[in-house]
Amino acid sequence: DTILWRTTVPGHPNCNETIDQKPFNSFEEYAATEVTDFYSWNKFVGYNDYVTKAFDMRKREVPGPSRARMELLDVYPMTVQRPDGHVSSGECADCPGAEGFAKDCLHYFLPGPP
């Protein structure tokens, strides 16, 4: 068995504004912005660090015969650079399937950021 864990990614505040949302040019450009604590988005880096360390410690242990393989999919660095793909951004205002969905600045339309 294989267990896949995806890191948690915060939303982008004000993604629903009508201004054109553009991707950040680099992770450093995103990191210079302020992440809101309104939805506890500011805690996601700490949560991801905890999980990354737990996975690293587990990999260092001697594997048992019935232990599931665990892999970490770290999507944080690339996803935080894409405020333009949220369900409420101007880019997705007319996306197929957008009708009837709540607009928010956390979730992405599929397939999501590259």
N, C-alpha and C. Protein backbone atom coordinates (compact mmCIF):
# COMPACT_ATOMS: atom_id res chain seq x y z
N ASP A 1 0.83 -1.19 0.00
CA ASP A 1 0.00 0.00 0.00
C ASP A 1 0.87 1.24 0.00
N THR A 2 0.37 2.28 -0.64
CA THR A 2 1.06 3.57 -0.66
C THR A 2 0.11 4.65 -0.18
N ILE A 3 0.60 5.48 0.73
CA ILE A 3 -0.16 6.61 1.23
C ILE A 3 0.50 7.87 0.69
N LEU A 4 -0.28 8.72 0.05
CA LEU A 4 0.23 9.97 -0.52
C LEU A 4 -0.34 11.14 0.27
N TRP A 5 0.53 12.00 0.79
CA TRP A 5 0.11 13.17 1.55
C TRP A 5 0.46 14.41 0.76
N ARG A 6 -0.54 15.27 0.54
CA ARG A 6 -0.32 16.53 -0.17
C ARG A 6 -0.24 17.65 0.85
N THR A 7 0.77 18.51 0.71
CA THR A 7 0.91 19.62 1.64
C THR A 7 -0.29 20.55 1.53
N THR A 8 -0.54 21.29 2.60
CA THR A 8 -1.67 22.20 2.68
C THR A 8 -1.24 23.56 2.14
N VAL A 9 -2.12 24.17 1.36
CA VAL A 9 -1.80 25.43 0.70
C VAL A 9 -2.80 26.50 1.10
N PRO A 10 -2.32 27.69 1.48
CA PRO A 10 -3.25 28.76 1.84
C PRO A 10 -3.89 29.36 0.60
N GLY A 11 -4.96 30.07 0.82
CA GLY A 11 -5.58 30.80 -0.27
C GLY A 11 -4.87 32.13 -0.49
N HIS A 12 -5.43 32.90 -1.39
CA HIS A 12 -4.90 34.24 -1.68
C HIS A 12 -6.00 35.25 -1.39
N PRO A 13 -5.78 36.14 -0.42
CA PRO A 13 -6.82 37.11 -0.10
C PRO A 13 -7.14 38.01 -1.28
N ASN A 14 -8.39 38.40 -1.37
CA ASN A 14 -8.87 39.32 -2.41
C ASN A 14 -8.75 38.76 -3.82
N CYS A 15 -8.76 37.45 -3.97
CA CYS A 15 -8.67 36.89 -5.31
C CYS A 15 -9.93 37.15 -6.11
N ASN A 16 -10.99 37.57 -5.43
CA ASN A 16 -12.26 37.81 -6.11
C ASN A 16 -12.39 39.23 -6.65
N GLU A 17 -11.37 40.04 -6.45
CA GLU A 17 -11.43 41.39 -6.99
C GLU A 17 -11.34 41.33 -8.51
N THR A 18 -11.90 42.32 -9.13
CA THR A 18 -12.00 42.28 -10.59
C THR A 18 -10.69 42.60 -11.30
N ILE A 19 -9.67 43.01 -10.55
CA ILE A 19 -8.39 43.27 -11.20
C ILE A 19 -7.84 41.95 -11.73
N ASP A 20 -7.05 42.05 -12.77
CA ASP A 20 -6.46 40.83 -13.34
C ASP A 20 -5.48 40.22 -12.35
N GLN A 21 -5.75 38.99 -11.97
CA GLN A 21 -4.84 38.27 -11.10
C GLN A 21 -3.75 37.66 -11.98
N LYS A 22 -2.53 37.85 -11.62
CA LYS A 22 -1.40 37.30 -12.36
C LYS A 22 -0.59 36.40 -11.44
N PRO A 23 0.03 35.36 -11.99
CA PRO A 23 0.90 34.53 -11.16
C PRO A 23 2.09 35.34 -10.65
N PHE A 24 2.59 34.96 -9.49
CA PHE A 24 3.84 35.54 -9.01
C PHE A 24 4.97 35.03 -9.89
N ASN A 25 6.00 35.82 -10.04
CA ASN A 25 7.14 35.42 -10.88
C ASN A 25 8.06 34.43 -10.18
N SER A 26 8.01 34.38 -8.85
CA SER A 26 8.87 33.47 -8.11
C SER A 26 8.26 33.23 -6.73
N PHE A 27 8.77 32.22 -6.06
CA PHE A 27 8.32 31.96 -4.70
C PHE A 27 8.73 33.12 -3.79
N GLU A 28 9.88 33.70 -4.03
CA GLU A 28 10.36 34.83 -3.22
C GLU A 28 9.40 36.01 -3.32
N GLU A 29 8.84 36.25 -4.51
CA GLU A 29 7.87 37.34 -4.68
C GLU A 29 6.62 37.07 -3.84
N TYR A 30 6.15 35.82 -3.84
CA TYR A 30 5.00 35.46 -3.00
C TYR A 30 5.35 35.62 -1.53
N ALA A 31 6.53 35.15 -1.12
CA ALA A 31 6.92 35.15 0.29
C ALA A 31 6.97 36.56 0.86
N ALA A 32 7.15 37.56 0.03
CA ALA A 32 7.20 38.94 0.50
C ALA A 32 5.80 39.49 0.81
N THR A 33 4.75 38.78 0.43
CA THR A 33 3.39 39.23 0.70
C THR A 33 2.97 38.79 2.11
N GLU A 34 1.95 39.43 2.61
CA GLU A 34 1.45 39.08 3.95
C GLU A 34 0.34 38.05 3.84
N VAL A 35 0.49 36.94 4.54
CA VAL A 35 -0.53 35.90 4.55
C VAL A 35 -1.45 36.17 5.73
N THR A 36 -2.73 36.20 5.47
CA THR A 36 -3.71 36.53 6.51
C THR A 36 -3.82 35.42 7.55
N ASP A 37 -4.15 35.83 8.77
CA ASP A 37 -4.43 34.84 9.80
C ASP A 37 -5.93 34.67 10.01
N PHE A 38 -6.72 35.34 9.18
CA PHE A 38 -8.17 35.28 9.31
C PHE A 38 -8.70 33.85 9.20
N TYR A 39 -8.16 33.07 8.28
CA TYR A 39 -8.56 31.67 8.12
C TYR A 39 -7.49 30.71 8.63
N SER A 40 -6.55 31.22 9.40
CA SER A 40 -5.38 30.46 9.88
C SER A 40 -4.46 30.03 8.74
N TRP A 41 -4.53 30.72 7.62
CA TRP A 41 -3.64 30.41 6.49
C TRP A 41 -2.19 30.59 6.88
N ASN A 42 -1.92 31.49 7.82
CA ASN A 42 -0.55 31.75 8.25
C ASN A 42 0.07 30.57 8.99
N LYS A 43 -0.74 29.60 9.39
CA LYS A 43 -0.24 28.44 10.13
C LYS A 43 0.13 27.27 9.21
N PHE A 44 -0.21 27.36 7.94
CA PHE A 44 -0.01 26.22 7.05
C PHE A 44 1.46 25.87 6.85
N VAL A 45 2.35 26.86 6.86
CA VAL A 45 3.78 26.57 6.73
C VAL A 45 4.24 25.69 7.89
N GLY A 46 3.81 26.03 9.11
CA GLY A 46 4.16 25.22 10.28
C GLY A 46 3.59 23.81 10.20
N TYR A 47 2.35 23.70 9.75
CA TYR A 47 1.74 22.37 9.59
C TYR A 47 2.53 21.53 8.59
N ASN A 48 2.88 22.15 7.47
CA ASN A 48 3.62 21.43 6.44
C ASN A 48 5.01 21.03 6.92
N ASP A 49 5.67 21.91 7.69
CA ASP A 49 6.98 21.58 8.25
C ASP A 49 6.88 20.37 9.18
N TYR A 50 5.84 20.35 10.01
CA TYR A 50 5.63 19.23 10.93
C TYR A 50 5.50 17.91 10.16
N VAL A 51 4.67 17.92 9.14
CA VAL A 51 4.44 16.70 8.36
C VAL A 51 5.71 16.29 7.62
N THR A 52 6.43 17.25 7.07
CA THR A 52 7.67 16.94 6.36
C THR A 52 8.68 16.28 7.29
N LYS A 53 8.82 16.80 8.51
CA LYS A 53 9.74 16.21 9.48
C LYS A 53 9.28 14.82 9.91
N ALA A 54 7.98 14.64 10.09
CA ALA A 54 7.46 13.32 10.48
C ALA A 54 7.72 12.30 9.37
N PHE A 55 7.54 12.70 8.11
CA PHE A 55 7.82 11.79 7.00
C PHE A 55 9.30 11.46 6.94
N ASP A 56 10.15 12.47 7.16
CA ASP A 56 11.59 12.25 7.13
C ASP A 56 12.01 11.29 8.24
N MET A 57 11.49 11.46 9.45
CA MET A 57 11.82 10.55 10.55
C MET A 57 11.35 9.13 10.24
N ARG A 58 10.18 9.01 9.66
CA ARG A 58 9.64 7.69 9.33
C ARG A 58 10.51 6.97 8.30
N LYS A 59 11.02 7.73 7.34
CA LYS A 59 11.88 7.12 6.31
C LYS A 59 13.19 6.62 6.89
N ARG A 60 13.65 7.23 7.99
CA ARG A 60 14.90 6.82 8.62
C ARG A 60 14.74 5.56 9.47
N GLU A 61 13.51 5.23 9.80
CA GLU A 61 13.26 4.03 10.61
C GLU A 61 13.41 2.78 9.75
N VAL A 62 13.68 1.66 10.43
CA VAL A 62 13.78 0.39 9.72
C VAL A 62 12.39 -0.03 9.29
N PRO A 63 12.19 -0.28 8.00
CA PRO A 63 10.84 -0.65 7.53
C PRO A 63 10.42 -2.02 8.03
N GLY A 64 9.17 -2.12 8.40
CA GLY A 64 8.60 -3.40 8.83
C GLY A 64 7.95 -4.09 7.64
N PRO A 65 7.63 -5.37 7.79
CA PRO A 65 7.07 -6.13 6.67
C PRO A 65 5.69 -5.64 6.23
N SER A 66 4.93 -5.05 7.15
CA SER A 66 3.57 -4.65 6.77
C SER A 66 3.38 -3.13 6.77
N ARG A 67 4.47 -2.39 6.74
CA ARG A 67 4.36 -0.93 6.75
C ARG A 67 4.00 -0.41 5.37
N ALA A 68 3.06 0.51 5.35
CA ALA A 68 2.68 1.14 4.09
C ALA A 68 3.77 2.13 3.67
N ARG A 69 3.97 2.24 2.39
CA ARG A 69 4.89 3.25 1.87
C ARG A 69 4.19 4.60 1.93
N MET A 70 4.90 5.63 2.39
CA MET A 70 4.31 6.96 2.49
C MET A 70 5.15 7.94 1.69
N GLU A 71 4.48 8.72 0.86
CA GLU A 71 5.16 9.71 0.03
C GLU A 71 4.53 11.07 0.27
N LEU A 72 5.35 12.11 0.20
CA LEU A 72 4.91 13.48 0.41
C LEU A 72 4.92 14.21 -0.92
N LEU A 73 3.78 14.79 -1.28
CA LEU A 73 3.67 15.59 -2.49
C LEU A 73 3.64 17.05 -2.05
N ASP A 74 4.76 17.74 -2.21
CA ASP A 74 4.87 19.12 -1.75
C ASP A 74 4.47 20.07 -2.87
N VAL A 75 3.21 20.49 -2.84
CA VAL A 75 2.68 21.40 -3.86
C VAL A 75 2.71 22.85 -3.40
N TYR A 76 3.13 23.09 -2.16
CA TYR A 76 3.10 24.44 -1.59
C TYR A 76 3.86 25.48 -2.43
N PRO A 77 5.15 25.25 -2.75
CA PRO A 77 5.91 26.30 -3.43
C PRO A 77 5.32 26.71 -4.78
N MET A 78 4.78 25.78 -5.53
CA MET A 78 4.24 26.15 -6.84
C MET A 78 2.81 26.68 -6.76
N THR A 79 2.03 26.19 -5.81
CA THR A 79 0.63 26.59 -5.74
C THR A 79 0.46 28.00 -5.20
N VAL A 80 1.27 28.39 -4.22
CA VAL A 80 1.13 29.73 -3.66
C VAL A 80 1.46 30.82 -4.69
N GLN A 81 2.11 30.45 -5.76
CA GLN A 81 2.46 31.42 -6.80
C GLN A 81 1.31 31.67 -7.78
N ARG A 82 0.17 30.98 -7.61
CA ARG A 82 -0.92 31.07 -8.58
C ARG A 82 -2.22 31.60 -7.99
N PRO A 83 -2.31 32.90 -7.71
CA PRO A 83 -3.56 33.47 -7.21
C PRO A 83 -4.62 33.58 -8.30
N ASP A 84 -4.24 33.30 -9.54
CA ASP A 84 -5.14 33.50 -10.68
C ASP A 84 -6.05 32.33 -10.97
N GLY A 85 -5.90 31.20 -10.31
CA GLY A 85 -6.69 30.03 -10.66
C GLY A 85 -7.82 29.69 -9.69
N HIS A 86 -8.07 30.56 -8.73
CA HIS A 86 -9.13 30.29 -7.76
C HIS A 86 -10.50 30.40 -8.40
N VAL A 87 -11.46 29.75 -7.79
CA VAL A 87 -12.80 29.71 -8.35
C VAL A 87 -13.45 31.08 -8.41
N SER A 88 -12.94 32.04 -7.66
CA SER A 88 -13.56 33.37 -7.69
C SER A 88 -12.70 34.39 -8.41
N SER A 89 -11.58 33.97 -8.97
CA SER A 89 -10.74 34.94 -9.67
C SER A 89 -11.35 35.30 -11.01
N GLY A 90 -10.94 36.42 -11.55
CA GLY A 90 -11.43 36.85 -12.85
C GLY A 90 -11.12 35.85 -13.95
N GLU A 91 -10.01 35.14 -13.80
CA GLU A 91 -9.62 34.15 -14.80
C GLU A 91 -10.65 33.02 -14.91
N CYS A 92 -11.29 32.69 -13.80
CA CYS A 92 -12.22 31.56 -13.79
C CYS A 92 -13.68 32.00 -13.70
N ALA A 93 -13.94 33.26 -13.94
CA ALA A 93 -15.33 33.73 -13.84
C ALA A 93 -16.25 32.98 -14.79
N ASP A 94 -15.74 32.61 -15.95
CA ASP A 94 -16.55 31.91 -16.95
C ASP A 94 -16.08 30.48 -17.17
N CYS A 95 -15.35 29.92 -16.22
CA CYS A 95 -14.87 28.54 -16.37
C CYS A 95 -16.06 27.58 -16.43
N PRO A 96 -15.96 26.55 -17.26
CA PRO A 96 -17.03 25.56 -17.29
C PRO A 96 -17.24 24.96 -15.90
N GLY A 97 -18.46 24.88 -15.48
CA GLY A 97 -18.79 24.31 -14.18
C GLY A 97 -18.79 25.32 -13.06
N ALA A 98 -18.52 26.60 -13.36
CA ALA A 98 -18.45 27.62 -12.31
C ALA A 98 -19.83 27.98 -11.77
N GLU A 99 -20.86 27.71 -12.54
CA GLU A 99 -22.20 28.08 -12.12
C GLU A 99 -22.60 27.30 -10.87
N GLY A 100 -23.11 28.01 -9.88
CA GLY A 100 -23.62 27.36 -8.69
C GLY A 100 -22.58 27.09 -7.62
N PHE A 101 -21.30 27.34 -7.91
CA PHE A 101 -20.26 27.11 -6.91
C PHE A 101 -20.03 28.37 -6.10
N ALA A 102 -19.77 28.19 -4.82
CA ALA A 102 -19.44 29.32 -3.98
C ALA A 102 -18.09 29.88 -4.42
N LYS A 103 -18.01 31.18 -4.43
CA LYS A 103 -16.76 31.82 -4.81
C LYS A 103 -15.87 31.91 -3.58
N ASP A 104 -14.65 31.48 -3.68
CA ASP A 104 -13.73 31.60 -2.56
C ASP A 104 -12.30 31.75 -3.09
N CYS A 105 -11.41 32.06 -2.18
CA CYS A 105 -10.02 32.32 -2.54
C CYS A 105 -9.09 31.22 -2.04
N LEU A 106 -9.63 30.03 -1.80
CA LEU A 106 -8.82 28.90 -1.35
C LEU A 106 -8.80 27.79 -2.39
N HIS A 107 -9.96 27.42 -2.90
CA HIS A 107 -10.05 26.29 -3.82
C HIS A 107 -9.76 26.70 -5.25
N TYR A 108 -9.26 25.75 -6.03
CA TYR A 108 -8.92 25.97 -7.43
C TYR A 108 -9.83 25.16 -8.32
N PHE A 109 -10.03 25.64 -9.54
CA PHE A 109 -10.68 24.83 -10.54
C PHE A 109 -9.69 23.78 -11.00
N LEU A 110 -10.15 22.60 -11.33
CA LEU A 110 -9.28 21.55 -11.83
C LEU A 110 -8.85 21.87 -13.26
N PRO A 111 -7.66 21.60 -13.66
CA PRO A 111 -6.70 20.74 -12.98
C PRO A 111 -5.88 21.44 -11.92
N GLY A 112 -6.11 22.72 -11.68
CA GLY A 112 -5.36 23.45 -10.66
C GLY A 112 -4.05 23.98 -11.21
N PRO A 113 -3.24 24.53 -10.33
CA PRO A 113 -1.95 25.08 -10.76
C PRO A 113 -1.06 23.99 -11.36
N PRO A 114 -0.20 24.38 -12.27
CA PRO A 114 0.69 23.37 -12.88
C PRO A 114 1.69 22.85 -11.88
